[in-house]
Protein backbone atom coordinates (compact mmCIF):
# COMPACT_ATOMS: atom_id res chain seq x y z
CA MET A 1 -26.85 12.93 20.10
CA THR A 2 -25.00 15.98 21.32
CA GLU A 3 -22.74 18.08 19.12
CA HIS A 4 -19.50 16.41 20.21
CA THR A 5 -20.56 12.76 20.32
CA VAL A 6 -20.24 10.24 17.50
CA ASP A 7 -22.59 7.39 16.66
CA TRP A 8 -20.35 4.35 16.22
CA SER A 9 -23.21 1.88 15.72
CA PRO A 10 -22.83 1.75 11.88
CA TYR A 11 -19.29 0.41 12.34
CA LEU A 12 -20.08 -2.34 14.85
CA GLY A 13 -20.23 -6.01 13.93
CA HIS A 14 -18.20 -5.80 10.71
CA ASP A 15 -15.03 -7.69 9.86
CA TRP A 16 -12.40 -7.34 7.15
CA ASP A 17 -14.37 -9.46 4.66
CA THR A 18 -17.54 -7.38 4.93
CA GLU A 19 -18.85 -6.74 1.43
CA TYR A 20 -18.74 -3.21 0.08
CA ASP A 21 -19.07 -1.36 -3.22
CA GLY A 22 -16.32 1.14 -3.88
CA SER A 23 -16.84 1.38 -7.62
CA LEU A 24 -17.10 4.64 -9.52
CA SER A 25 -17.71 5.19 -13.21
CA VAL A 26 -14.84 6.00 -15.54
CA GLU A 27 -16.60 9.26 -16.37
CA LYS A 28 -16.72 10.21 -12.69
CA LEU A 29 -13.04 9.40 -12.23
CA LYS A 30 -12.13 11.53 -15.23
CA SER A 31 -14.18 14.39 -13.82
CA LEU A 32 -12.34 14.09 -10.51
CA GLY A 33 -9.05 13.92 -12.38
CA GLU A 34 -9.82 17.13 -14.23
CA ALA A 35 -10.41 18.87 -10.90
CA LEU A 36 -7.12 17.51 -9.58
CA VAL A 37 -5.04 19.01 -12.39
CA ASP A 38 -6.81 22.39 -12.33
CA PHE A 39 -5.09 25.30 -10.62
CA PRO A 40 -5.04 29.09 -11.12
CA GLU A 41 -3.12 30.19 -14.20
CA GLU A 42 -1.17 32.76 -12.18
CA HIS A 43 0.01 30.04 -9.77
CA LYS A 44 3.50 29.38 -11.13
CA LEU A 45 4.76 25.87 -10.42
CA GLN A 46 8.32 24.69 -10.01
CA SER A 47 9.46 23.17 -13.31
CA ARG A 48 9.52 19.51 -12.19
CA VAL A 49 6.14 19.85 -10.49
CA ASN A 50 4.74 21.47 -13.62
CA LYS A 51 5.98 18.49 -15.68
CA LEU A 52 4.34 16.13 -13.19
CA TYR A 53 1.01 17.94 -13.56
CA LEU A 54 1.27 17.89 -17.35
CA ASP A 55 1.75 14.13 -17.09
CA ARG A 56 -1.31 13.90 -14.87
CA LYS A 57 -3.31 15.85 -17.42
CA ALA A 58 -2.25 13.24 -20.00
CA MET A 59 -3.43 10.51 -17.63
CA VAL A 60 -6.84 12.14 -17.32
CA ASP A 61 -7.04 12.46 -21.12
CA GLY A 62 -6.23 8.77 -21.52
CA ASP A 63 -2.86 9.36 -23.20
CA LYS A 64 -0.90 7.77 -20.36
CA LYS A 65 -1.59 5.12 -17.74
CA LEU A 66 -1.98 6.26 -14.16
CA ASP A 67 1.00 6.22 -11.83
CA TRP A 68 1.00 5.78 -8.04
CA GLY A 69 0.73 9.46 -7.16
CA MET A 70 -2.19 10.14 -9.47
CA ALA A 71 -4.11 7.09 -8.28
CA GLU A 72 -3.56 8.06 -4.65
CA ASN A 73 -4.78 11.60 -5.27
CA LEU A 74 -7.82 10.26 -7.13
CA ALA A 75 -8.67 8.18 -4.07
CA TYR A 76 -8.58 11.31 -1.92
CA ALA A 77 -10.62 13.28 -4.45
CA SER A 78 -13.30 10.59 -4.55
CA ILE A 79 -13.48 10.46 -0.75
CA VAL A 80 -13.95 14.21 -0.23
CA ASP A 81 -16.35 14.28 -3.20
CA GLU A 82 -18.54 11.82 -1.29
CA GLY A 83 -18.56 14.13 1.73
CA ASN A 84 -15.97 12.44 3.92
CA ASP A 85 -13.07 14.28 5.51
CA ILE A 86 -9.36 13.46 5.15
CA ARG A 87 -6.48 14.27 7.46
CA ILE A 88 -2.86 13.48 6.49
CA THR A 89 0.18 14.18 8.68
CA GLY A 90 3.86 13.33 8.40
CA GLN A 91 7.12 14.93 7.43
CA ASP A 92 6.73 16.38 3.92
CA SER A 93 3.21 14.95 3.46
CA GLY A 94 2.13 17.82 1.23
CA ARG A 95 4.81 16.93 -1.29
CA GLY A 96 4.56 13.25 -0.50
CA THR A 97 7.25 10.79 0.39
CA PHE A 98 9.77 10.64 -2.45
CA PHE A 99 8.19 13.33 -4.61
CA HIS A 100 4.98 11.62 -5.65
CA ARG A 101 1.90 13.24 -4.08
CA HIS A 102 2.27 16.98 -4.62
CA ALA A 103 -1.16 17.69 -3.21
CA VAL A 104 0.00 21.13 -2.09
CA LEU A 105 1.25 23.40 -4.90
CA HIS A 106 3.67 26.19 -4.04
CA ASN A 107 3.68 29.37 -6.11
CA GLN A 108 7.27 30.10 -7.16
CA LYS A 109 6.56 33.85 -7.30
CA ASP A 110 5.15 34.60 -3.84
CA ALA A 111 5.21 31.28 -1.88
CA THR A 112 1.42 31.06 -1.67
CA THR A 113 -0.09 27.59 -1.79
CA HIS A 114 -2.96 25.97 -3.61
CA MET A 115 -4.47 22.55 -2.93
CA PRO A 116 -6.62 21.17 -5.79
CA LEU A 117 -8.11 18.61 -3.39
CA GLN A 118 -9.82 21.48 -1.58
CA HIS A 119 -11.58 22.48 -4.81
CA ILE A 120 -13.21 19.26 -6.03
CA ARG A 121 -16.77 20.54 -5.64
CA ASP A 122 -18.88 22.87 -3.51
CA GLY A 123 -19.88 21.29 -0.21
CA GLN A 124 -17.21 18.59 -0.37
CA GLY A 125 -15.56 16.99 2.64
CA GLN A 126 -12.62 18.78 4.20
CA ILE A 127 -9.01 17.76 3.59
CA GLU A 128 -6.15 18.79 5.83
CA ILE A 129 -2.51 18.00 5.09
CA TYR A 130 0.15 18.87 7.64
CA ASP A 131 3.92 18.65 7.32
CA SER A 132 4.64 17.59 10.88
CA VAL A 133 7.87 17.72 12.84
CA LEU A 134 9.92 14.57 13.36
CA SER A 135 8.39 13.69 16.71
CA GLU A 136 6.89 10.41 15.55
CA GLU A 137 5.63 9.23 18.93
CA ALA A 138 3.77 12.47 19.61
CA VAL A 139 2.29 12.89 16.13
CA MET A 140 1.31 9.23 15.83
CA ALA A 141 -0.34 9.27 19.28
CA PHE A 142 -2.35 12.38 18.38
CA GLU A 143 -3.54 10.83 15.11
CA TYR A 144 -4.53 7.63 16.91
CA GLY A 145 -6.67 9.66 19.28
CA PHE A 146 -8.14 11.67 16.42
CA ALA A 147 -9.08 8.50 14.51
CA THR A 148 -10.81 7.01 17.55
CA ALA A 149 -13.06 10.08 17.67
CA GLU A 150 -13.75 10.62 13.94
CA PRO A 151 -14.83 7.41 12.15
CA GLY A 152 -16.02 9.32 9.10
CA CYS A 153 -12.60 10.82 8.44
CA LEU A 154 -9.77 9.06 6.61
CA THR A 155 -6.94 9.75 9.05
CA ILE A 156 -3.43 9.00 7.79
CA TRP A 157 -0.03 9.12 9.43
CA GLU A 158 2.86 8.82 7.00
CA ALA A 159 6.50 8.08 7.74
CA GLN A 160 9.14 9.78 5.61
CA PHE A 161 10.99 6.45 5.65
CA GLY A 162 9.53 3.23 6.96
CA ASP A 163 12.03 2.95 9.77
CA PHE A 164 10.79 6.29 11.15
CA ALA A 165 8.01 4.22 12.71
CA ASN A 166 10.66 3.03 15.17
CA GLY A 167 10.21 6.29 17.05
CA ALA A 168 6.48 5.64 17.42
CA GLN A 169 6.77 1.97 18.35
CA VAL A 170 5.23 2.41 21.80
CA VAL A 171 2.05 3.76 20.17
CA PHE A 172 1.83 0.75 17.87
CA ASP A 173 2.46 -1.68 20.72
CA GLN A 174 0.19 -0.25 23.39
CA PHE A 175 -2.53 1.51 21.46
CA LEU A 176 -2.97 0.75 17.76
CA SER A 177 -2.46 -3.03 17.86
CA SER A 178 -4.43 -3.70 21.04
CA GLY A 179 -6.69 -0.74 21.76
CA GLU A 180 -9.82 -2.55 20.62
CA ALA A 181 -8.99 -5.69 22.62
CA LYS A 182 -8.12 -3.75 25.79
CA TRP A 183 -10.62 -0.92 25.75
CA GLY A 184 -13.13 -1.66 23.01
CA ARG A 185 -11.99 1.43 21.11
CA LEU A 186 -12.43 1.18 17.34
CA CYS A 187 -9.89 3.03 15.22
CA GLY A 188 -9.55 3.39 11.47
CA LEU A 189 -6.11 5.04 11.40
CA THR A 190 -4.15 4.41 8.20
CA VAL A 191 -0.36 4.23 8.46
CA LEU A 192 1.75 4.64 5.30
CA LEU A 193 5.24 3.20 5.75
CA PRO A 194 7.67 3.43 2.80
CA HIS A 195 9.26 0.01 2.58
CA GLY A 196 11.50 -1.37 -0.12
CA TYR A 197 14.96 -2.66 -0.82
CA GLU A 198 16.59 -0.29 -3.31
CA GLY A 199 20.11 -0.33 -1.90
CA GLN A 200 19.66 2.75 0.29
CA GLY A 201 21.08 1.12 3.42
CA PRO A 202 19.72 -0.13 6.75
CA GLU A 203 17.77 2.91 7.93
CA HIS A 204 16.05 3.63 4.62
CA SER A 205 14.98 0.15 3.54
CA SER A 206 12.71 -1.62 5.99
CA ALA A 207 9.51 -0.54 7.75
CA ARG A 208 9.98 -3.66 9.90
CA LEU A 209 7.08 -5.62 8.44
CA GLU A 210 7.83 -8.50 10.81
CA ARG A 211 7.01 -6.39 13.88
CA PHE A 212 3.52 -5.65 12.64
CA LEU A 213 2.88 -9.25 11.59
CA GLN A 214 4.04 -10.47 15.00
CA MET A 215 1.32 -8.37 16.62
CA CYS A 216 -1.43 -9.70 14.33
CA ALA A 217 -4.23 -11.48 16.19
CA ASP A 218 -7.99 -11.25 16.66
CA HIS A 219 -8.26 -9.42 13.33
CA ASN A 220 -6.89 -6.39 15.17
CA TRP A 221 -5.62 -4.58 12.09
CA GLN A 222 -4.87 -4.97 8.39
CA VAL A 223 -1.39 -5.29 6.89
CA CYS A 224 -1.27 -4.59 3.15
CA VAL A 225 1.46 -4.40 0.52
CA PRO A 226 -0.16 -2.90 -2.61
CA SER A 227 1.78 -3.30 -5.84
CA THR A 228 -0.15 -1.19 -8.37
CA PRO A 229 -1.74 2.28 -8.48
CA ALA A 230 -5.20 0.71 -8.79
CA GLN A 231 -4.51 -1.29 -5.66
CA VAL A 232 -3.49 1.72 -3.59
CA TYR A 233 -6.52 3.64 -4.88
CA ASN A 234 -8.97 0.89 -3.99
CA MET A 235 -7.24 0.13 -0.69
CA LEU A 236 -7.66 3.74 0.49
CA ARG A 237 -11.26 3.90 -0.67
CA ARG A 238 -12.02 0.59 1.03
CA GLN A 239 -10.84 2.08 4.32
CA VAL A 240 -13.68 4.63 4.15
CA VAL A 241 -16.42 3.00 2.06
CA ARG A 242 -16.48 -0.31 3.95
CA PRO A 243 -18.40 0.02 7.26
CA MET A 244 -15.49 -1.29 9.31
CA ARG A 245 -12.96 0.65 11.33
CA LYS A 246 -9.71 -1.21 11.85
CA PRO A 247 -6.19 0.24 11.58
CA LEU A 248 -4.50 -0.20 8.21
CA ILE A 249 -0.73 -0.72 8.03
CA VAL A 250 0.61 -0.14 4.52
CA MET A 251 4.03 -1.16 3.26
CA SER A 252 4.60 1.16 0.29
CA PRO A 253 7.60 0.24 -1.90
CA LYS A 254 9.48 3.40 -2.80
CA SER A 255 10.62 2.50 -6.32
CA LEU A 256 7.08 1.58 -7.40
CA LEU A 257 6.16 5.26 -7.33
CA ARG A 258 7.89 5.53 -10.72
CA HIS A 259 8.34 1.93 -11.88
CA PRO A 260 7.42 1.59 -15.58
CA LEU A 261 5.44 -1.60 -14.92
CA ALA A 262 3.63 -0.24 -11.85
CA THR A 263 0.88 1.57 -13.74
CA SER A 264 -2.88 1.13 -14.00
CA THR A 265 -5.70 2.06 -16.32
CA ILE A 266 -8.54 4.23 -15.13
CA GLU A 267 -10.84 1.26 -15.80
CA GLU A 268 -8.92 -0.77 -13.20
CA LEU A 269 -9.54 1.94 -10.64
CA ALA A 270 -13.22 2.04 -11.54
CA GLU A 271 -13.74 -1.62 -10.60
CA GLY A 272 -13.79 -0.54 -6.99
CA GLN A 273 -12.35 -3.60 -5.24
CA PHE A 274 -9.01 -4.10 -3.54
CA GLN A 275 -7.58 -7.48 -4.55
CA ASN A 276 -6.17 -9.26 -1.51
CA VAL A 277 -4.40 -11.71 -3.82
CA ILE A 278 -3.39 -11.31 -7.47
CA GLY A 279 -2.73 -14.39 -9.54
CA GLU A 280 -0.56 -14.92 -12.59
CA ILE A 281 -0.92 -12.13 -15.19
CA ASP A 282 1.09 -13.60 -18.10
CA ASP A 283 -0.24 -16.15 -20.58
CA ILE A 284 1.18 -19.23 -18.85
CA ASP A 285 -0.57 -22.58 -19.06
CA PRO A 286 -1.15 -23.76 -15.46
CA LYS A 287 -0.70 -27.37 -16.60
CA GLY A 288 2.91 -26.66 -17.54
CA VAL A 289 3.79 -24.96 -14.26
CA LYS A 290 6.33 -26.82 -12.13
CA ARG A 291 6.96 -24.17 -9.46
CA VAL A 292 4.80 -21.44 -7.91
CA VAL A 293 6.45 -18.41 -6.32
CA MET A 294 4.50 -16.41 -3.76
CA CYS A 295 5.63 -12.89 -2.86
CA SER A 296 4.55 -9.40 -1.80
CA GLY A 297 5.60 -5.93 -2.88
CA LYS A 298 8.39 -4.67 -5.11
CA VAL A 299 10.21 -7.98 -5.51
CA TYR A 300 7.30 -9.10 -7.69
CA TYR A 301 8.49 -6.86 -10.52
CA ASP A 302 12.06 -8.14 -10.22
CA LEU A 303 10.74 -11.69 -10.48
CA LEU A 304 8.42 -10.83 -13.37
CA GLU A 305 11.07 -9.06 -15.43
CA GLN A 306 13.66 -11.79 -14.90
CA ARG A 307 11.19 -14.55 -15.73
CA ARG A 308 10.22 -12.80 -18.95
CA LYS A 309 13.89 -12.31 -19.79
CA ASN A 310 14.46 -16.03 -19.19
CA GLU A 311 11.38 -16.84 -21.32
CA GLN A 312 10.25 -19.22 -18.59
CA THR A 313 6.80 -20.73 -18.75
CA ASP A 314 7.14 -23.28 -15.95
CA VAL A 315 7.06 -20.82 -13.01
CA ALA A 316 3.92 -18.96 -11.90
CA ILE A 317 3.99 -15.90 -9.63
CA ILE A 318 1.27 -15.05 -7.11
CA ARG A 319 1.15 -11.72 -5.25
CA LEU A 320 -0.18 -11.49 -1.71
CA GLU A 321 -1.41 -7.91 -1.38
CA GLN A 322 -2.88 -8.38 2.09
CA LEU A 323 -0.86 -10.40 4.56
CA TYR A 324 -3.28 -9.98 7.46
CA PRO A 325 -6.04 -10.90 7.91
CA PHE A 326 -4.78 -13.61 5.61
CA PRO A 327 -7.12 -14.10 2.59
CA GLU A 328 -7.15 -17.90 2.75
CA ALA A 329 -10.32 -18.43 0.71
CA GLU A 330 -9.15 -16.15 -2.11
CA CYS A 331 -5.74 -17.84 -2.13
CA ALA A 332 -7.36 -21.24 -2.36
CA GLU A 333 -9.42 -20.17 -5.36
CA ILE A 334 -6.38 -18.86 -7.26
CA MET A 335 -4.11 -21.72 -6.26
CA ALA A 336 -6.59 -24.46 -7.18
CA GLN A 337 -5.28 -24.44 -10.77
CA TYR A 338 -1.84 -25.41 -9.43
CA SER A 339 -2.99 -28.36 -7.33
CA HIS A 340 -0.53 -30.60 -9.19
CA VAL A 341 2.47 -28.44 -8.28
CA LYS A 342 4.62 -29.75 -5.41
CA ASP A 343 7.34 -27.08 -5.55
CA TRP A 344 6.26 -23.85 -3.81
CA VAL A 345 8.44 -20.90 -2.81
CA TRP A 346 8.02 -17.81 -0.66
CA CYS A 347 10.27 -15.04 -2.00
CA GLN A 348 11.02 -11.87 -0.05
CA GLU A 349 13.63 -9.12 -0.08
CA GLU A 350 13.98 -8.91 3.68
CA PRO A 351 16.45 -11.06 5.65
CA GLN A 352 15.11 -14.47 6.63
CA ASN A 353 14.46 -13.48 10.26
CA GLN A 354 12.52 -10.41 9.09
CA GLY A 355 9.68 -9.84 6.62
CA ALA A 356 6.78 -12.28 6.37
CA TRP A 357 8.59 -15.64 6.31
CA TYR A 358 8.47 -16.52 9.99
CA CYS A 359 5.27 -14.71 10.96
CA SER A 360 3.11 -15.79 8.01
CA GLN A 361 4.57 -19.17 7.14
CA HIS A 362 1.71 -21.05 8.80
CA HIS A 363 -0.71 -19.25 6.48
CA PHE A 364 1.34 -20.27 3.44
CA TRP A 365 1.26 -23.92 4.50
CA ASN A 366 -2.52 -23.75 4.84
CA VAL A 367 -3.07 -22.75 1.20
CA ILE A 368 -0.53 -24.81 -0.75
CA PRO A 369 -1.54 -28.32 -1.95
CA ASP A 370 -1.29 -31.30 0.37
CA GLY A 371 2.07 -32.98 0.04
CA ALA A 372 3.76 -29.92 -1.47
CA LYS A 373 7.04 -28.54 -0.17
CA LEU A 374 7.58 -24.88 0.73
CA ALA A 375 11.01 -23.29 0.31
CA TYR A 376 12.41 -19.86 1.18
CA ALA A 377 14.12 -17.52 -1.29
CA GLY A 378 15.51 -14.32 0.17
CA ARG A 379 18.36 -12.78 2.08
CA GLU A 380 20.09 -14.67 4.86
CA ALA A 381 19.21 -13.83 8.46
CA SER A 382 20.71 -10.56 9.62
CA SER A 383 20.74 -8.31 12.68
CA SER A 384 20.60 -5.32 10.31
CA PRO A 385 17.56 -4.58 8.11
CA ALA A 386 19.82 -4.17 5.06
CA VAL A 387 23.42 -3.90 3.92
CA GLY A 388 25.15 -0.56 3.51
CA TYR A 389 26.75 -1.06 0.09
CA VAL A 390 24.77 -0.84 -3.15
CA SER A 391 27.04 -3.37 -4.85
CA VAL A 392 26.41 -5.96 -2.13
CA HIS A 393 22.69 -5.18 -2.18
CA ASN A 394 22.53 -5.77 -5.94
CA GLN A 395 24.37 -9.08 -5.62
CA GLN A 396 21.93 -10.23 -2.94
CA GLN A 397 18.93 -9.12 -4.97
CA LYS A 398 20.09 -10.91 -8.09
CA ALA A 399 20.79 -14.08 -6.10
CA LEU A 400 17.40 -14.22 -4.37
CA VAL A 401 15.51 -13.67 -7.65
CA GLU A 402 17.57 -16.39 -9.34
CA ASP A 403 16.99 -18.72 -6.42
CA ALA A 404 13.22 -18.18 -6.58
CA LEU A 405 13.03 -18.85 -10.34
CA THR A 406 15.47 -21.76 -10.59
CA ILE A 407 13.80 -25.14 -10.35
CA LYS A 408 16.11 -27.54 -8.58
């Protein structure tokens, strides 16, 4: 092997269900966490960032559960600690989309910077974080090329808003989705696309999930919608630890960065496995269930909170955290306890002609019981990704949640 060639043989012949062990001990995670919250005393932080780091210190000490930003940073810390490199680009990636990552700390006295992730241990892997310009096509194309040459590096491109991927669509269409099929080029690029319906209007709501699902074939890439900090942690680690290099498309709901229910324990991170499907979490007797609602992403918490408020025990909720490759065997195992249920629903926030309904419906039919019916609960079809008025958005959201939970 010459200096500038890479041995790809360890990554050949593996698929998305290849077994792997991404577990770390709780003690190791706490040690990594302590390194993450350590910075020079003279490095004066902005007041809100300082509060965020005090909260992270409480998470390391076990006084608070972990939020999304802390879990994500722990994933990066564990990866560089194991000797792998990380490269993250995107507008405002140092701070993180919507004020959650704060991997780069800016001194309020002299504008110098400090990155705790570069100080995990001596001899660690390198981490580079670049705040790139808004030239999505150019930046995305460069990162695609970088990822095809560096299989040992976790290479990430992040959109400030999910719809910013529109500007890089040609790269998704011609390279990322089909590069392996056309040219035999493996690529492990991870794409973080903020996606969530919080009433922020058309251009700030949808990462156009349906476009990525439409291009799914031949196990060409992975499309995931993690809903907890532990899930995002284990998803990122899986991308490096597992000996498979396929692109990873991530729909990251914005409001879950600070949602009070979207927290995880350090023990949940330590388990080391990304759950492609998550079954019912409340104490509901499967025998009394009359309807099962399937969903992905942020809408899960709206459904959960409303069901608890209603004190319903006849509706179960199942989260699909990976939409492609579709985890049929895992779904079947979870859904076996509801074999008597004939009323099944797919609930999504996106309009009916968008999201997962049309592109993944055949997978849903494959895993529900024979003779069951499958209904849709979500927004009506629309040429726009979202409405432009918060009041209308809230009415739609309330209606789709009510529709999903109301047994006809």
